[in-house]
């Protein structure tokens, strides 16, 4: 796993291109996106105590994926993940992408 510098990453490699973490009042928020390495891209966010991941089909037509572009999804509890730490959250995202269910 890597957080890509300036959006650059090696072909065939999983990469988180951008990750945002923030603490507001009593909420911890996180989101980001990246590439799986096989041409697909993904996005993730934290909602409550759940990590939500959407994996998109290769060769998207536009910059914003549409619902029909989602080829797999994952949802996992993040109670045991330090979501204020980029490495911990990145590992959870990588695992969720690997386990994403194609049945949506």
PDB file of N, CA and C in Angstrom:
ATOM      1  N   UNK A   1       0.837  -1.176   0.000  1.00  0.00           N
ATOM      2  CA  UNK A   1       0.000   0.000   0.000  1.00  0.00           C
ATOM      3  C   UNK A   1       0.876   1.231   0.000  1.00  0.00           C
ATOM      4  N   UNK A   2       0.415   2.263  -0.684  1.00  0.00           N
ATOM      5  CA  UNK A   2       1.139   3.529  -0.657  1.00  0.00           C
ATOM      6  C   UNK A   2       0.157   4.667  -0.799  1.00  0.00           C
ATOM      7  N   UNK A   3       0.501   5.787  -0.236  1.00  0.00           N
ATOM      8  CA  UNK A   3      -0.230   7.015  -0.516  1.00  0.00           C
ATOM      9  C   UNK A   3       0.586   7.704  -1.588  1.00  0.00           C
ATOM     10  N   UNK A   4       0.013   7.807  -2.758  1.00  0.00           N
ATOM     11  CA  UNK A   4       0.760   8.243  -3.943  1.00  0.00           C
ATOM     12  C   UNK A   4       1.135   9.717  -3.847  1.00  0.00           C
ATOM     13  N   UNK A   5       2.348  10.033  -4.288  1.00  0.00           N
ATOM     14  CA  UNK A   5       2.808  11.408  -4.373  1.00  0.00           C
ATOM     15  C   UNK A   5       2.292  12.017  -5.659  1.00  0.00           C
ATOM     16  N   UNK A   6       1.580  13.125  -5.568  1.00  0.00           N
ATOM     17  CA  UNK A   6       1.075  13.836  -6.740  1.00  0.00           C
ATOM     18  C   UNK A   6       0.277  12.941  -7.680  1.00  0.00           C
ATOM     19  N   UNK A   7      -0.444  11.973  -7.115  1.00  0.00           N
ATOM     20  CA  UNK A   7      -1.272  11.107  -7.929  1.00  0.00           C
ATOM     21  C   UNK A   7      -0.499  10.106  -8.766  1.00  0.00           C
ATOM     22  N   UNK A   8       0.790   9.902  -8.502  1.00  0.00           N
ATOM     23  CA  UNK A   8       1.601   8.962  -9.270  1.00  0.00           C
ATOM     24  C   UNK A   8       1.711   7.652  -8.506  1.00  0.00           C
ATOM     25  N   UNK A   9       1.564   6.534  -9.200  1.00  0.00           N
ATOM     26  CA  UNK A   9       1.751   5.235  -8.592  1.00  0.00           C
ATOM     27  C   UNK A   9       2.127   4.243  -9.671  1.00  0.00           C
ATOM     28  N   UNK A  10       2.718   3.145  -9.277  1.00  0.00           N
ATOM     29  CA  UNK A  10       3.139   2.125 -10.228  1.00  0.00           C
ATOM     30  C   UNK A  10       1.941   1.336 -10.710  1.00  0.00           C
ATOM     31  N   UNK A  11       1.928   0.972 -11.987  1.00  0.00           N
ATOM     32  CA  UNK A  11       0.879   0.118 -12.522  1.00  0.00           C
ATOM     33  C   UNK A  11       0.910  -1.210 -11.768  1.00  0.00           C
ATOM     34  N   UNK A  12      -0.264  -1.762 -11.521  1.00  0.00           N
ATOM     35  CA  UNK A  12      -0.351  -3.032 -10.826  1.00  0.00           C
ATOM     36  C   UNK A  12      -0.217  -2.916  -9.329  1.00  0.00           C
ATOM     37  N   UNK A  13      -0.265  -1.704  -8.786  1.00  0.00           N
ATOM     38  CA  UNK A  13      -0.074  -1.498  -7.363  1.00  0.00           C
ATOM     39  C   UNK A  13      -1.277  -0.802  -6.751  1.00  0.00           C
ATOM     40  N   UNK A  14      -1.731  -1.289  -5.592  1.00  0.00           N
ATOM     41  CA  UNK A  14      -2.789  -0.626  -4.833  1.00  0.00           C
ATOM     42  C   UNK A  14      -2.234   0.693  -4.314  1.00  0.00           C
ATOM     43  N   UNK A  15      -3.004   1.761  -4.454  1.00  0.00           N
ATOM     44  CA  UNK A  15      -2.545   3.059  -3.949  1.00  0.00           C
ATOM     45  C   UNK A  15      -3.724   3.896  -3.489  1.00  0.00           C
ATOM     46  N   UNK A  16      -3.570   4.508  -2.337  1.00  0.00           N
ATOM     47  CA  UNK A  16      -4.517   5.520  -1.884  1.00  0.00           C
ATOM     48  C   UNK A  16      -3.959   6.842  -2.391  1.00  0.00           C
ATOM     49  N   UNK A  17      -4.699   7.492  -3.280  1.00  0.00           N
ATOM     50  CA  UNK A  17      -4.219   8.732  -3.891  1.00  0.00           C
ATOM     51  C   UNK A  17      -4.444   9.937  -2.990  1.00  0.00           C
ATOM     52  N   UNK A  18      -5.532   9.919  -2.236  1.00  0.00           N
ATOM     53  CA  UNK A  18      -5.826  11.042  -1.347  1.00  0.00           C
ATOM     54  C   UNK A  18      -6.606  10.518  -0.158  1.00  0.00           C
ATOM     55  N   UNK A  19      -6.239  10.994   1.037  1.00  0.00           N
ATOM     56  CA  UNK A  19      -6.939  10.610   2.257  1.00  0.00           C
ATOM     57  C   UNK A  19      -7.115  11.868   3.091  1.00  0.00           C
ATOM     58  N   UNK A  20      -8.316  12.054   3.592  1.00  0.00           N
ATOM     59  CA  UNK A  20      -8.609  13.208   4.421  1.00  0.00           C
ATOM     60  C   UNK A  20      -9.115  12.727   5.760  1.00  0.00           C
ATOM     61  N   UNK A  21      -8.561  13.247   6.837  1.00  0.00           N
ATOM     62  CA  UNK A  21      -8.989  12.927   8.198  1.00  0.00           C
ATOM     63  C   UNK A  21      -9.298  14.226   8.923  1.00  0.00           C
ATOM     64  N   UNK A  22     -10.355  14.226   9.694  1.00  0.00           N
ATOM     65  CA  UNK A  22     -10.689  15.421  10.455  1.00  0.00           C
ATOM     66  C   UNK A  22     -11.470  15.091  11.704  1.00  0.00           C
ATOM     67  N   UNK A  23     -11.283  15.889  12.738  1.00  0.00           N
ATOM     68  CA  UNK A  23     -12.007  15.714  13.994  1.00  0.00           C
ATOM     69  C   UNK A  23     -12.827  16.970  14.212  1.00  0.00           C
ATOM     70  N   UNK A  24     -14.124  16.799  14.303  1.00  0.00           N
ATOM     71  CA  UNK A  24     -15.033  17.916  14.523  1.00  0.00           C
ATOM     72  C   UNK A  24     -15.926  17.597  15.701  1.00  0.00           C
ATOM     73  N   UNK A  25     -15.799  18.391  16.744  1.00  0.00           N
ATOM     74  CA  UNK A  25     -16.614  18.195  17.927  1.00  0.00           C
ATOM     75  C   UNK A  25     -16.400  16.768  18.431  1.00  0.00           C
ATOM     76  N   UNK A  26     -17.422  15.942  18.393  1.00  0.00           N
ATOM     77  CA  UNK A  26     -17.304  14.559  18.865  1.00  0.00           C
ATOM     78  C   UNK A  26     -17.230  13.565  17.716  1.00  0.00           C
ATOM     79  N   UNK A  27     -17.112  14.052  16.479  1.00  0.00           N
ATOM     80  CA  UNK A  27     -17.078  13.163  15.321  1.00  0.00           C
ATOM     81  C   UNK A  27     -15.691  13.121  14.699  1.00  0.00           C
ATOM     82  N   UNK A  28     -15.308  11.931  14.275  1.00  0.00           N
ATOM     83  CA  UNK A  28     -14.090  11.760  13.487  1.00  0.00           C
ATOM     84  C   UNK A  28     -14.537  11.393  12.085  1.00  0.00           C
ATOM     85  N   UNK A  29     -14.107  12.183  11.122  1.00  0.00           N
ATOM     86  CA  UNK A  29     -14.507  11.966   9.740  1.00  0.00           C
ATOM     87  C   UNK A  29     -13.283  11.610   8.911  1.00  0.00           C
ATOM     88  N   UNK A  30     -13.493  10.768   7.905  1.00  0.00           N
ATOM     89  CA  UNK A  30     -12.406  10.396   7.007  1.00  0.00           C
ATOM     90  C   UNK A  30     -12.993  10.021   5.660  1.00  0.00           C
ATOM     91  N   UNK A  31     -12.241  10.307   4.618  1.00  0.00           N
ATOM     92  CA  UNK A  31     -12.649   9.909   3.273  1.00  0.00           C
ATOM     93  C   UNK A  31     -11.423   9.929   2.372  1.00  0.00           C
ATOM     94  N   UNK A  32     -11.581   9.356   1.192  1.00  0.00           N
ATOM     95  CA  UNK A  32     -10.476   9.352   0.248  1.00  0.00           C
ATOM     96  C   UNK A  32     -10.793   8.506  -0.965  1.00  0.00           C
ATOM     97  N   UNK A  33      -9.779   8.360  -1.821  1.00  0.00           N
ATOM     98  CA  UNK A  33      -9.950   7.574  -3.034  1.00  0.00           C
ATOM     99  C   UNK A  33      -8.601   7.072  -3.505  1.00  0.00           C
ATOM    100  N   UNK A  34      -8.646   6.130  -4.443  1.00  0.00           N
ATOM    101  CA  UNK A  34      -7.400   5.586  -4.964  1.00  0.00           C
ATOM    102  C   UNK A  34      -7.631   4.628  -6.113  1.00  0.00           C
ATOM    103  N   UNK A  35      -6.604   3.850  -6.399  1.00  0.00           N
ATOM    104  CA  UNK A  35      -6.610   2.887  -7.496  1.00  0.00           C
ATOM    105  C   UNK A  35      -6.331   1.497  -6.942  1.00  0.00           C
ATOM    106  N   UNK A  36      -7.026   0.507  -7.481  1.00  0.00           N
ATOM    107  CA  UNK A  36      -6.817  -0.871  -7.049  1.00  0.00           C
ATOM    108  C   UNK A  36      -5.546  -1.436  -7.669  1.00  0.00           C
ATOM    109  N   UNK A  37      -5.232  -1.043  -8.873  1.00  0.00           N
ATOM    110  CA  UNK A  37      -4.033  -1.517  -9.539  1.00  0.00           C
ATOM    111  C   UNK A  37      -4.340  -2.303 -10.797  1.00  0.00           C
ATOM    112  N   UNK A  38      -5.607  -2.701 -10.958  1.00  0.00           N
ATOM    113  CA  UNK A  38      -6.015  -3.444 -12.154  1.00  0.00           C
ATOM    114  C   UNK A  38      -6.894  -2.592 -13.067  1.00  0.00           C
ATOM    115  N   UNK A  39      -6.810  -1.277 -12.906  1.00  0.00           N
ATOM    116  CA  UNK A  39      -7.603  -0.369 -13.726  1.00  0.00           C
ATOM    117  C   UNK A  39      -8.842   0.158 -13.023  1.00  0.00           C
ATOM    118  N   UNK A  40      -9.223  -0.483 -11.932  1.00  0.00           N
ATOM    119  CA  UNK A  40     -10.384  -0.018 -11.176  1.00  0.00           C
ATOM    120  C   UNK A  40      -9.960   1.042 -10.167  1.00  0.00           C
ATOM    121  N   UNK A  41     -10.890   1.909  -9.824  1.00  0.00           N
ATOM    122  CA  UNK A  41     -10.656   2.909  -8.794  1.00  0.00           C
ATOM    123  C   UNK A  41     -11.623   2.642  -7.646  1.00  0.00           C
ATOM    124  N   UNK A  42     -11.400   3.312  -6.521  1.00  0.00           N
ATOM    125  CA  UNK A  42     -12.282   3.148  -5.363  1.00  0.00           C
ATOM    126  C   UNK A  42     -12.367   4.453  -4.600  1.00  0.00           C
ATOM    127  N   UNK A  43     -13.402   4.550  -3.789  1.00  0.00           N
ATOM    128  CA  UNK A  43     -13.568   5.669  -2.869  1.00  0.00           C
ATOM    129  C   UNK A  43     -14.016   5.097  -1.528  1.00  0.00           C
ATOM    130  N   UNK A  44     -13.684   5.805  -0.455  1.00  0.00           N
ATOM    131  CA  UNK A  44     -14.101   5.338   0.870  1.00  0.00           C
ATOM    132  C   UNK A  44     -14.478   6.517   1.739  1.00  0.00           C
ATOM    133  N   UNK A  45     -15.271   6.222   2.761  1.00  0.00           N
ATOM    134  CA  UNK A  45     -15.618   7.234   3.765  1.00  0.00           C
ATOM    135  C   UNK A  45     -16.002   6.518   5.051  1.00  0.00           C
ATOM    136  N   UNK A  46     -15.947   7.268   6.138  1.00  0.00           N
ATOM    137  CA  UNK A  46     -16.391   6.780   7.438  1.00  0.00           C
ATOM    138  C   UNK A  46     -17.764   7.376   7.686  1.00  0.00           C
ATOM    139  N   UNK A  47     -18.732   6.519   7.988  1.00  0.00           N
ATOM    140  CA  UNK A  47     -20.070   6.956   8.391  1.00  0.00           C
ATOM    141  C   UNK A  47     -20.364   6.319   9.730  1.00  0.00           C
ATOM    142  N   UNK A  48     -20.399   7.137  10.769  1.00  0.00           N
ATOM    143  CA  UNK A  48     -20.595   6.598  12.111  1.00  0.00           C
ATOM    144  C   UNK A  48     -19.411   5.731  12.494  1.00  0.00           C
ATOM    145  N   UNK A  49     -19.661   4.449  12.764  1.00  0.00           N
ATOM    146  CA  UNK A  49     -18.595   3.517  13.105  1.00  0.00           C
ATOM    147  C   UNK A  49     -18.335   2.526  11.980  1.00  0.00           C
ATOM    148  N   UNK A  50     -18.720   2.882  10.768  1.00  0.00           N
ATOM    149  CA  UNK A  50     -18.555   2.001   9.612  1.00  0.00           C
ATOM    150  C   UNK A  50     -17.655   2.635   8.552  1.00  0.00           C
ATOM    151  N   UNK A  51     -16.813   1.806   7.960  1.00  0.00           N
ATOM    152  CA  UNK A  51     -16.028   2.183   6.796  1.00  0.00           C
ATOM    153  C   UNK A  51     -16.793   1.690   5.581  1.00  0.00           C
ATOM    154  N   UNK A  52     -17.100   2.584   4.667  1.00  0.00           N
ATOM    155  CA  UNK A  52     -17.808   2.239   3.448  1.00  0.00           C
ATOM    156  C   UNK A  52     -16.854   2.403   2.277  1.00  0.00           C
ATOM    157  N   UNK A  53     -16.780   1.374   1.414  1.00  0.00           N
ATOM    158  CA  UNK A  53     -15.901   1.390   0.255  1.00  0.00           C
ATOM    159  C   UNK A  53     -16.716   1.048  -0.982  1.00  0.00           C
ATOM    160  N   UNK A  54     -16.517   1.817  -2.050  1.00  0.00           N
ATOM    161  CA  UNK A  54     -17.093   1.499  -3.351  1.00  0.00           C
ATOM    162  C   UNK A  54     -15.954   1.322  -4.339  1.00  0.00           C
ATOM    163  N   UNK A  55     -15.996   0.220  -5.088  1.00  0.00           N
ATOM    164  CA  UNK A  55     -15.005  -0.040  -6.128  1.00  0.00           C
ATOM    165  C   UNK A  55     -15.706   0.183  -7.464  1.00  0.00           C
ATOM    166  N   UNK A  56     -15.057   0.933  -8.332  1.00  0.00           N
ATOM    167  CA  UNK A  56     -15.657   1.319  -9.612  1.00  0.00           C
ATOM    168  C   UNK A  56     -15.030   0.543 -10.769  1.00  0.00           C
ATOM    169  N   UNK A  57     -15.777   0.412 -11.833  1.00  0.00           N
ATOM    170  CA  UNK A  57     -15.296  -0.307 -13.015  1.00  0.00           C
ATOM    171  C   UNK A  57     -14.136   0.460 -13.654  1.00  0.00           C
ATOM    172  N   UNK A  58     -13.324  -0.245 -14.438  1.00  0.00           N
ATOM    173  CA  UNK A  58     -12.214   0.432 -15.129  1.00  0.00           C
ATOM    174  C   UNK A  58     -12.736   1.386 -16.198  1.00  0.00           C
ATOM    175  N   UNK A  59     -11.928   2.322 -16.583  1.00  0.00           N
ATOM    176  CA  UNK A  59     -12.195   3.237 -17.684  1.00  0.00           C
ATOM    177  C   UNK A  59     -13.518   3.993 -17.529  1.00  0.00           C
ATOM    178  N   UNK A  60     -13.628   4.731 -16.420  1.00  0.00           N
ATOM    179  CA  UNK A  60     -14.818   5.547 -16.201  1.00  0.00           C
ATOM    180  C   UNK A  60     -14.909   6.624 -17.272  1.00  0.00           C
ATOM    181  N   UNK A  61     -16.139   6.986 -17.641  1.00  0.00           N
ATOM    182  CA  UNK A  61     -16.337   7.994 -18.685  1.00  0.00           C
ATOM    183  C   UNK A  61     -16.106   9.412 -18.192  1.00  0.00           C
ATOM    184  N   UNK A  62     -16.384   9.663 -16.928  1.00  0.00           N
ATOM    185  CA  UNK A  62     -16.261  11.017 -16.400  1.00  0.00           C
ATOM    186  C   UNK A  62     -15.542  11.035 -15.070  1.00  0.00           C
ATOM    187  N   UNK A  63     -15.320  12.221 -14.522  1.00  0.00           N
ATOM    188  CA  UNK A  63     -14.583  12.347 -13.262  1.00  0.00           C
ATOM    189  C   UNK A  63     -15.380  11.928 -12.030  1.00  0.00           C
ATOM    190  N   UNK A  64     -16.710  11.875 -12.145  1.00  0.00           N
ATOM    191  CA  UNK A  64     -17.554  11.502 -11.016  1.00  0.00           C
ATOM    192  C   UNK A  64     -18.259  10.192 -11.345  1.00  0.00           C
ATOM    193  N   UNK A  65     -17.957   9.121 -10.606  1.00  0.00           N
ATOM    194  CA  UNK A  65     -18.608   7.842 -10.881  1.00  0.00           C
ATOM    195  C   UNK A  65     -20.116   7.920 -10.650  1.00  0.00           C
ATOM    196  N   UNK A  66     -20.857   7.215 -11.478  1.00  0.00           N
ATOM    197  CA  UNK A  66     -22.309   7.128 -11.363  1.00  0.00           C
ATOM    198  C   UNK A  66     -22.654   5.810 -10.675  1.00  0.00           C
ATOM    199  N   UNK A  67     -23.885   5.664 -10.164  1.00  0.00           N
ATOM    200  CA  UNK A  67     -24.257   4.410  -9.489  1.00  0.00           C
ATOM    201  C   UNK A  67     -24.016   3.159 -10.338  1.00  0.00           C
ATOM    202  N   UNK A  68     -24.191   3.250 -11.632  1.00  0.00           N
ATOM    203  CA  UNK A  68     -23.977   2.089 -12.498  1.00  0.00           C
ATOM    204  C   UNK A  68     -22.492   1.733 -12.649  1.00  0.00           C
ATOM    205  N   UNK A  69     -21.594   2.611 -12.212  1.00  0.00           N
ATOM    206  CA  UNK A  69     -20.155   2.355 -12.280  1.00  0.00           C
ATOM    207  C   UNK A  69     -19.641   1.523 -11.104  1.00  0.00           C
ATOM    208  N   UNK A  70     -20.454   1.356 -10.054  1.00  0.00           N
ATOM    209  CA  UNK A  70     -20.051   0.604  -8.862  1.00  0.00           C
ATOM    210  C   UNK A  70     -20.084  -0.888  -9.186  1.00  0.00           C
ATOM    211  N   UNK A  71     -18.936  -1.556  -9.049  1.00  0.00           N
ATOM    212  CA  UNK A  71     -18.870  -2.996  -9.320  1.00  0.00           C
ATOM    213  C   UNK A  71     -18.740  -3.826  -8.051  1.00  0.00           C
ATOM    214  N   UNK A  72     -18.381  -3.189  -6.932  1.00  0.00           N
ATOM    215  CA  UNK A  72     -18.270  -3.914  -5.665  1.00  0.00           C
ATOM    216  C   UNK A  72     -18.347  -2.920  -4.511  1.00  0.00           C
ATOM    217  N   UNK A  73     -18.820  -3.411  -3.378  1.00  0.00           N
ATOM    218  CA  UNK A  73     -18.908  -2.572  -2.183  1.00  0.00           C
ATOM    219  C   UNK A  73     -18.409  -3.357  -0.973  1.00  0.00           C
ATOM    220  N   UNK A  74     -18.004  -2.626   0.042  1.00  0.00           N
ATOM    221  CA  UNK A  74     -17.597  -3.228   1.309  1.00  0.00           C
ATOM    222  C   UNK A  74     -18.020  -2.299   2.436  1.00  0.00           C
ATOM    223  N   UNK A  75     -18.374  -2.902   3.536  1.00  0.00           N
ATOM    224  CA  UNK A  75     -18.757  -2.167   4.745  1.00  0.00           C
ATOM    225  C   UNK A  75     -18.157  -2.932   5.916  1.00  0.00           C
ATOM    226  N   UNK A  76     -17.424  -2.224   6.758  1.00  0.00           N
ATOM    227  CA  UNK A  76     -16.856  -2.902   7.919  1.00  0.00           C
ATOM    228  C   UNK A  76     -16.855  -1.967   9.117  1.00  0.00           C
ATOM    229  N   UNK A  77     -16.911  -2.549  10.286  1.00  0.00           N
ATOM    230  CA  UNK A  77     -16.878  -1.812  11.529  1.00  0.00           C
ATOM    231  C   UNK A  77     -15.454  -1.313  11.766  1.00  0.00           C
ATOM    232  N   UNK A  78     -15.313  -0.087  12.246  1.00  0.00           N
ATOM    233  CA  UNK A  78     -13.977   0.472  12.502  1.00  0.00           C
ATOM    234  C   UNK A  78     -13.739   0.736  13.985  1.00  0.00           C
ATOM    235  N   UNK A  79     -14.499   0.086  14.844  1.00  0.00           N
ATOM    236  CA  UNK A  79     -14.328   0.267  16.283  1.00  0.00           C
ATOM    237  C   UNK A  79     -12.914  -0.120  16.712  1.00  0.00           C
ATOM    238  N   UNK A  80     -12.338  -1.139  16.068  1.00  0.00           N
ATOM    239  CA  UNK A  80     -11.002  -1.614  16.429  1.00  0.00           C
ATOM    240  C   UNK A  80      -9.885  -0.981  15.601  1.00  0.00           C
ATOM    241  N   UNK A  81     -10.193   0.065  14.818  1.00  0.00           N
ATOM    242  CA  UNK A  81      -9.210   0.728  13.954  1.00  0.00           C
ATOM    243  C   UNK A  81      -8.989   2.153  14.455  1.00  0.00           C
ATOM    244  N   UNK A  82      -7.731   2.567  14.533  1.00  0.00           N
ATOM    245  CA  UNK A  82      -7.418   3.957  14.894  1.00  0.00           C
ATOM    246  C   UNK A  82      -7.592   4.808  13.635  1.00  0.00           C
ATOM    247  N   UNK A  83      -8.788   5.357  13.458  1.00  0.00           N
ATOM    248  CA  UNK A  83      -9.066   6.089  12.220  1.00  0.00           C
ATOM    249  C   UNK A  83      -8.458   7.491  12.212  1.00  0.00           C
ATOM    250  N   UNK A  84      -7.768   7.865  13.290  1.00  0.00           N
ATOM    251  CA  UNK A  84      -7.030   9.131  13.273  1.00  0.00           C
ATOM    252  C   UNK A  84      -5.602   8.923  12.766  1.00  0.00           C
ATOM    253  N   UNK A  85      -5.217   7.674  12.545  1.00  0.00           N
ATOM    254  CA  UNK A  85      -3.882   7.331  12.064  1.00  0.00           C
ATOM    255  C   UNK A  85      -3.982   6.881  10.606  1.00  0.00           C
ATOM    256  N   UNK A  86      -3.280   7.560   9.693  1.00  0.00           N
ATOM    257  CA  UNK A  86      -3.355   7.246   8.258  1.00  0.00           C
ATOM    258  C   UNK A  86      -2.949   5.812   7.955  1.00  0.00           C
ATOM    259  N   UNK A  87      -1.948   5.301   8.635  1.00  0.00           N
ATOM    260  CA  UNK A  87      -1.506   3.925   8.356  1.00  0.00           C
ATOM    261  C   UNK A  87      -2.561   2.905   8.755  1.00  0.00           C
ATOM    262  N   UNK A  88      -3.166   3.093   9.921  1.00  0.00           N
ATOM    263  CA  UNK A  88      -4.210   2.165  10.377  1.00  0.00           C
ATOM    264  C   UNK A  88      -5.426   2.218   9.472  1.00  0.00           C
ATOM    265  N   UNK A  89      -5.852   3.425   9.148  1.00  0.00           N
ATOM    266  CA  UNK A  89      -7.009   3.569   8.270  1.00  0.00           C
ATOM    267  C   UNK A  89      -6.689   3.037   6.879  1.00  0.00           C
ATOM    268  N   UNK A  90      -5.495   3.308   6.374  1.00  0.00           N
ATOM    269  CA  UNK A  90      -5.090   2.808   5.063  1.00  0.00           C
ATOM    270  C   UNK A  90      -5.114   1.287   4.998  1.00  0.00           C
ATOM    271  N   UNK A  91      -4.653   0.632   6.060  1.00  0.00           N
ATOM    272  CA  UNK A  91      -4.669  -0.829   6.098  1.00  0.00           C
ATOM    273  C   UNK A  91      -6.107  -1.348   6.111  1.00  0.00           C
ATOM    274  N   UNK A  92      -6.991  -0.687   6.850  1.00  0.00           N
ATOM    275  CA  UNK A  92      -8.395  -1.094   6.878  1.00  0.00           C
ATOM    276  C   UNK A  92      -9.044  -0.918   5.507  1.00  0.00           C
ATOM    277  N   UNK A  93      -8.711   0.174   4.826  1.00  0.00           N
ATOM    278  CA  UNK A  93      -9.243   0.411   3.475  1.00  0.00           C
ATOM    279  C   UNK A  93      -8.729  -0.656   2.527  1.00  0.00           C
ATOM    280  N   UNK A  94      -7.433  -0.938   2.560  1.00  0.00           N
ATOM    281  CA  UNK A  94      -6.845  -1.963   1.688  1.00  0.00           C
ATOM    282  C   UNK A  94      -7.536  -3.309   1.891  1.00  0.00           C
ATOM    283  N   UNK A  95      -7.754  -3.690   3.149  1.00  0.00           N
ATOM    284  CA  UNK A  95      -8.424  -4.958   3.442  1.00  0.00           C
ATOM    285  C   UNK A  95      -9.874  -4.952   2.958  1.00  0.00           C
ATOM    286  N   UNK A  96     -10.558  -3.826   3.135  1.00  0.00           N
ATOM    287  CA  UNK A  96     -11.954  -3.730   2.698  1.00  0.00           C
ATOM    288  C   UNK A  96     -12.062  -3.804   1.177  1.00  0.00           C
ATOM    289  N   UNK A  97     -11.149  -3.161   0.468  1.00  0.00           N
ATOM    290  CA  UNK A  97     -11.153  -3.227  -0.998  1.00  0.00           C
ATOM    291  C   UNK A  97     -10.917  -4.663  -1.444  1.00  0.00           C
ATOM    292  N   UNK A  98      -9.993  -5.359  -0.803  1.00  0.00           N
ATOM    293  CA  UNK A  98      -9.692  -6.743  -1.164  1.00  0.00           C
ATOM    294  C   UNK A  98     -10.892  -7.663  -0.932  1.00  0.00           C
ATOM    295  N   UNK A  99     -11.720  -7.340   0.062  1.00  0.00           N
ATOM    296  CA  UNK A  99     -12.879  -8.170   0.398  1.00  0.00           C
ATOM    297  C   UNK A  99     -14.188  -7.637  -0.176  1.00  0.00           C
ATOM    298  N   UNK A 100     -14.110  -6.601  -0.972  1.00  0.00           N
ATOM    299  CA  UNK A 100     -15.336  -5.975  -1.516  1.00  0.00           C
ATOM    300  C   UNK A 100     -16.188  -7.018  -2.234  1.00  0.00           C
ATOM    301  N   UNK A 101     -17.475  -6.951  -1.982  1.00  0.00           N
ATOM    302  CA  UNK A 101     -18.433  -7.907  -2.517  1.00  0.00           C
ATOM    303  C   UNK A 101     -19.000  -7.386  -3.832  1.00  0.00           C
ATOM    304  N   UNK A 102     -18.886  -8.153  -4.872  1.00  0.00           N
ATOM    305  CA  UNK A 102     -19.370  -7.749  -6.189  1.00  0.00           C
ATOM    306  C   UNK A 102     -20.891  -7.758  -6.303  1.00  0.00           C
ATOM    307  N   UNK A 103     -21.582  -8.270  -5.296  1.00  0.00           N
ATOM    308  CA  UNK A 103     -23.050  -8.323  -5.392  1.00  0.00           C
ATOM    309  C   UNK A 103     -23.709  -6.994  -5.036  1.00  0.00           C
ATOM    310  N   UNK A 104     -22.924  -6.033  -4.560  1.00  0.00           N
ATOM    311  CA  UNK A 104     -23.395  -4.702  -4.152  1.00  0.00           C
ATOM    312  C   UNK A 104     -24.477  -4.859  -3.120  1.00  0.00           C
TER     313      UNK A 104
END
